[in-house]
Amino acid sequence: MFTGLVEEIGNVLERDGTRLVVSADRVLEDSDLGASVAINGACLTVIERGPGHLRFDMGPETLARTALGDLGSGDTVNLERPMRLGGLVGGHLVQGHVDGVGLVVDLTRQAETARLTIEWRDKALPRC
């Protein structure tokens, strides 16, 4: 479970097929092998932790249902560690499991906020 609050912005250091390597600083803490990290809101499992980076494998379902497969070197990503039981919940409860990809059809800025209108093409999504 995640709160939906981005902890830091990372950069894609490498993208090779199903392998994704991102720069990280703050989320390196507590992100050992097997840990969950939300990358742009989608939950991935750490397969390697190195100085200043985390490595992930993306499965076929992740590539089919998210936009993570479109990432390339230099792209920025939102990073978030999972929430801890007993810890402060500063956002919302978010699973991080993606059911599909939507298409942004409108963006309206209002002062310091923005309103997105998203459409989906998969007829099964409204039932998720």
C-alpha atoms as a PDB file:
ATOM      1  CA  MET A   1       0.000   0.000   0.000  1.00  0.00           C
ATOM      2  CA  PHE A   2       1.164   3.489  -0.837  1.00  0.00           C
ATOM      3  CA  THR A   3       0.002   6.975   0.171  1.00  0.00           C
ATOM      4  CA  GLY A   4       0.250   8.430  -3.321  1.00  0.00           C
ATOM      5  CA  LEU A   5       2.692  11.116  -2.166  1.00  0.00           C
ATOM      6  CA  VAL A   6       5.812  11.317  -4.325  1.00  0.00           C
ATOM      7  CA  GLU A   7       8.952  11.207  -2.175  1.00  0.00           C
ATOM      8  CA  GLU A   8      11.412  12.148  -4.887  1.00  0.00           C
ATOM      9  CA  ILE A   9      11.938  12.446  -8.614  1.00  0.00           C
ATOM     10  CA  GLY A  10      14.361   9.935 -10.109  1.00  0.00           C
ATOM     11  CA  ASN A  11      15.867   9.622 -13.569  1.00  0.00           C
ATOM     12  CA  VAL A  12      15.863   6.572 -15.790  1.00  0.00           C
ATOM     13  CA  LEU A  13      19.507   5.578 -16.033  1.00  0.00           C
ATOM     14  CA  GLU A  14      18.901   2.525 -18.192  1.00  0.00           C
ATOM     15  CA  ARG A  15      16.004   0.807 -19.902  1.00  0.00           C
ATOM     16  CA  ASP A  16      16.770  -2.455 -21.643  1.00  0.00           C
ATOM     17  CA  GLY A  17      13.697  -4.500 -22.550  1.00  0.00           C
ATOM     18  CA  THR A  18      12.060  -5.461 -19.269  1.00  0.00           C
ATOM     19  CA  ARG A  19      14.916  -4.088 -17.133  1.00  0.00           C
ATOM     20  CA  LEU A  20      14.611  -0.606 -15.602  1.00  0.00           C
ATOM     21  CA  VAL A  21      17.319   1.226 -13.620  1.00  0.00           C
ATOM     22  CA  VAL A  22      16.456   4.519 -11.908  1.00  0.00           C
ATOM     23  CA  SER A  23      18.472   6.995  -9.878  1.00  0.00           C
ATOM     24  CA  ALA A  24      17.325   7.351  -6.303  1.00  0.00           C
ATOM     25  CA  ASP A  25      18.427   8.971  -3.088  1.00  0.00           C
ATOM     26  CA  ARG A  26      15.700   9.158  -0.460  1.00  0.00           C
ATOM     27  CA  VAL A  27      13.903   5.943  -1.478  1.00  0.00           C
ATOM     28  CA  LEU A  28      17.170   3.982  -1.254  1.00  0.00           C
ATOM     29  CA  GLU A  29      16.549   3.846   2.502  1.00  0.00           C
ATOM     30  CA  ASP A  30      14.634   0.648   3.304  1.00  0.00           C
ATOM     31  CA  SER A  31      14.620  -0.405  -0.363  1.00  0.00           C
ATOM     32  CA  ASP A  32      16.617  -3.605  -0.148  1.00  0.00           C
ATOM     33  CA  LEU A  33      16.203  -6.608  -2.450  1.00  0.00           C
ATOM     34  CA  GLY A  34      12.555  -7.596  -2.665  1.00  0.00           C
ATOM     35  CA  ALA A  35      11.240  -4.235  -1.472  1.00  0.00           C
ATOM     36  CA  SER A  36       8.309  -2.588  -3.240  1.00  0.00           C
ATOM     37  CA  VAL A  37       8.704   0.871  -4.771  1.00  0.00           C
ATOM     38  CA  ALA A  38       6.057   2.805  -6.694  1.00  0.00           C
ATOM     39  CA  ILE A  39       7.433   4.048 -10.015  1.00  0.00           C
ATOM     40  CA  ASN A  40       4.995   6.583 -11.493  1.00  0.00           C
ATOM     41  CA  GLY A  41       2.358   4.992  -9.265  1.00  0.00           C
ATOM     42  CA  ALA A  42       2.971   1.377 -10.327  1.00  0.00           C
ATOM     43  CA  CYS A  43       4.403  -1.075  -7.808  1.00  0.00           C
ATOM     44  CA  LEU A  44       7.711  -2.694  -8.815  1.00  0.00           C
ATOM     45  CA  THR A  45      10.056  -4.980  -6.862  1.00  0.00           C
ATOM     46  CA  VAL A  46      13.708  -4.063  -6.287  1.00  0.00           C
ATOM     47  CA  ILE A  47      16.038  -6.697  -7.791  1.00  0.00           C
ATOM     48  CA  GLU A  48      19.259  -4.753  -7.180  1.00  0.00           C
ATOM     49  CA  ARG A  49      20.310  -1.820  -5.042  1.00  0.00           C
ATOM     50  CA  GLY A  50      23.494   0.062  -5.825  1.00  0.00           C
ATOM     51  CA  PRO A  51      25.061   3.430  -5.036  1.00  0.00           C
ATOM     52  CA  GLY A  52      22.468   5.985  -6.141  1.00  0.00           C
ATOM     53  CA  HIS A  53      20.246   3.582  -8.066  1.00  0.00           C
ATOM     54  CA  LEU A  54      17.640   0.828  -7.960  1.00  0.00           C
ATOM     55  CA  ARG A  55      17.074  -1.888 -10.567  1.00  0.00           C
ATOM     56  CA  PHE A  56      13.708  -3.466 -11.397  1.00  0.00           C
ATOM     57  CA  ASP A  57      12.328  -6.099 -13.756  1.00  0.00           C
ATOM     58  CA  MET A  58       8.992  -5.336 -15.426  1.00  0.00           C
ATOM     59  CA  GLY A  59       6.748  -8.267 -16.256  1.00  0.00           C
ATOM     60  CA  PRO A  60       4.467  -8.600 -19.275  1.00  0.00           C
ATOM     61  CA  GLU A  61       1.415  -7.458 -17.282  1.00  0.00           C
ATOM     62  CA  THR A  62       3.221  -4.308 -16.103  1.00  0.00           C
ATOM     63  CA  LEU A  63       4.299  -3.500 -19.650  1.00  0.00           C
ATOM     64  CA  ALA A  64       0.778  -4.146 -20.983  1.00  0.00           C
ATOM     65  CA  ARG A  65      -1.105  -2.124 -18.370  1.00  0.00           C
ATOM     66  CA  THR A  66       1.199   0.833 -17.641  1.00  0.00           C
ATOM     67  CA  ALA A  67       3.206   3.395 -19.563  1.00  0.00           C
ATOM     68  CA  LEU A  68       6.461   2.231 -17.913  1.00  0.00           C
ATOM     69  CA  GLY A  69       7.426   0.447 -21.122  1.00  0.00           C
ATOM     70  CA  ASP A  70       7.614   3.833 -22.874  1.00  0.00           C
ATOM     71  CA  LEU A  71      10.363   5.093 -20.544  1.00  0.00           C
ATOM     72  CA  GLY A  72      13.868   5.715 -21.849  1.00  0.00           C
ATOM     73  CA  SER A  73      17.188   6.924 -20.504  1.00  0.00           C
ATOM     74  CA  GLY A  74      16.934  10.435 -19.107  1.00  0.00           C
ATOM     75  CA  ASP A  75      13.183  10.333 -18.458  1.00  0.00           C
ATOM     76  CA  THR A  76      12.060  11.400 -14.999  1.00  0.00           C
ATOM     77  CA  VAL A  77       9.921   9.189 -12.755  1.00  0.00           C
ATOM     78  CA  ASN A  78       8.025   9.682  -9.515  1.00  0.00           C
ATOM     79  CA  LEU A  79       9.332   7.461  -6.686  1.00  0.00           C
ATOM     80  CA  GLU A  80       7.588   6.416  -3.478  1.00  0.00           C
ATOM     81  CA  ARG A  81       8.240   3.790  -0.819  1.00  0.00           C
ATOM     82  CA  PRO A  82       5.301   1.819   0.588  1.00  0.00           C
ATOM     83  CA  MET A  83       3.602   3.056   3.733  1.00  0.00           C
ATOM     84  CA  ARG A  84       4.423   1.472   7.068  1.00  0.00           C
ATOM     85  CA  LEU A  85       1.863   0.173   9.510  1.00  0.00           C
ATOM     86  CA  GLY A  86       1.694   2.514  12.467  1.00  0.00           C
ATOM     87  CA  GLY A  87       3.187   5.364  10.438  1.00  0.00           C
ATOM     88  CA  LEU A  88       1.635   8.686   9.508  1.00  0.00           C
ATOM     89  CA  VAL A  89      -0.615   8.503   6.440  1.00  0.00           C
ATOM     90  CA  GLY A  90      -0.146  11.863   4.759  1.00  0.00           C
ATOM     91  CA  GLY A  91      -1.992  11.160   1.517  1.00  0.00           C
ATOM     92  CA  HIS A  92      -4.399   8.449   0.446  1.00  0.00           C
ATOM     93  CA  LEU A  93      -4.348   4.669   0.510  1.00  0.00           C
ATOM     94  CA  VAL A  94      -3.188   3.544  -2.944  1.00  0.00           C
ATOM     95  CA  GLN A  95      -2.416  -0.036  -3.943  1.00  0.00           C
ATOM     96  CA  GLY A  96      -0.003   0.696  -6.762  1.00  0.00           C
ATOM     97  CA  HIS A  97      -1.447  -2.119  -8.874  1.00  0.00           C
ATOM     98  CA  VAL A  98      -2.499  -0.826 -12.279  1.00  0.00           C
ATOM     99  CA  ASP A  99      -5.634  -2.027 -14.063  1.00  0.00           C
ATOM    100  CA  GLY A 100      -5.108  -0.206 -17.348  1.00  0.00           C
ATOM    101  CA  VAL A 101      -3.804   2.835 -19.175  1.00  0.00           C
ATOM    102  CA  GLY A 102      -5.907   5.927 -19.783  1.00  0.00           C
ATOM    103  CA  LEU A 103      -5.561   8.716 -22.315  1.00  0.00           C
ATOM    104  CA  VAL A 104      -5.331  12.312 -21.063  1.00  0.00           C
ATOM    105  CA  VAL A 105      -7.859  14.220 -23.164  1.00  0.00           C
ATOM    106  CA  ASP A 106      -7.924  17.518 -21.295  1.00  0.00           C
ATOM    107  CA  LEU A 107      -5.748  19.477 -18.869  1.00  0.00           C
ATOM    108  CA  THR A 108      -7.111  22.632 -17.252  1.00  0.00           C
ATOM    109  CA  ARG A 109      -4.890  24.658 -14.922  1.00  0.00           C
ATOM    110  CA  GLN A 110      -6.533  26.499 -12.036  1.00  0.00           C
ATOM    111  CA  ALA A 111      -4.081  28.668 -10.050  1.00  0.00           C
ATOM    112  CA  GLU A 112      -1.642  26.208  -8.442  1.00  0.00           C
ATOM    113  CA  THR A 113      -3.684  23.111  -9.316  1.00  0.00           C
ATOM    114  CA  ALA A 114      -4.686  21.218 -12.421  1.00  0.00           C
ATOM    115  CA  ARG A 115      -7.697  19.151 -13.449  1.00  0.00           C
ATOM    116  CA  LEU A 116      -7.148  16.145 -15.731  1.00  0.00           C
ATOM    117  CA  THR A 117      -9.805  14.437 -17.802  1.00  0.00           C
ATOM    118  CA  ILE A 118      -8.858  10.843 -18.592  1.00  0.00           C
ATOM    119  CA  GLU A 119     -10.605   8.431 -20.956  1.00  0.00           C
ATOM    120  CA  TRP A 120     -10.131   4.697 -21.105  1.00  0.00           C
ATOM    121  CA  ARG A 121     -10.665   2.420 -24.039  1.00  0.00           C
ATOM    122  CA  ASP A 122     -10.827  -0.912 -22.184  1.00  0.00           C
ATOM    123  CA  LYS A 123     -14.527  -1.557 -21.544  1.00  0.00           C
ATOM    124  CA  ALA A 124     -13.670  -3.673 -18.472  1.00  0.00           C
ATOM    125  CA  LEU A 125     -12.031  -0.766 -16.593  1.00  0.00           C
ATOM    126  CA  PRO A 126     -15.219   0.809 -15.201  1.00  0.00           C
ATOM    127  CA  ARG A 127     -15.890  -2.487 -13.389  1.00  0.00           C
ATOM    128  CA  CYS A 128     -12.448  -2.585 -11.706  1.00  0.00           C
END
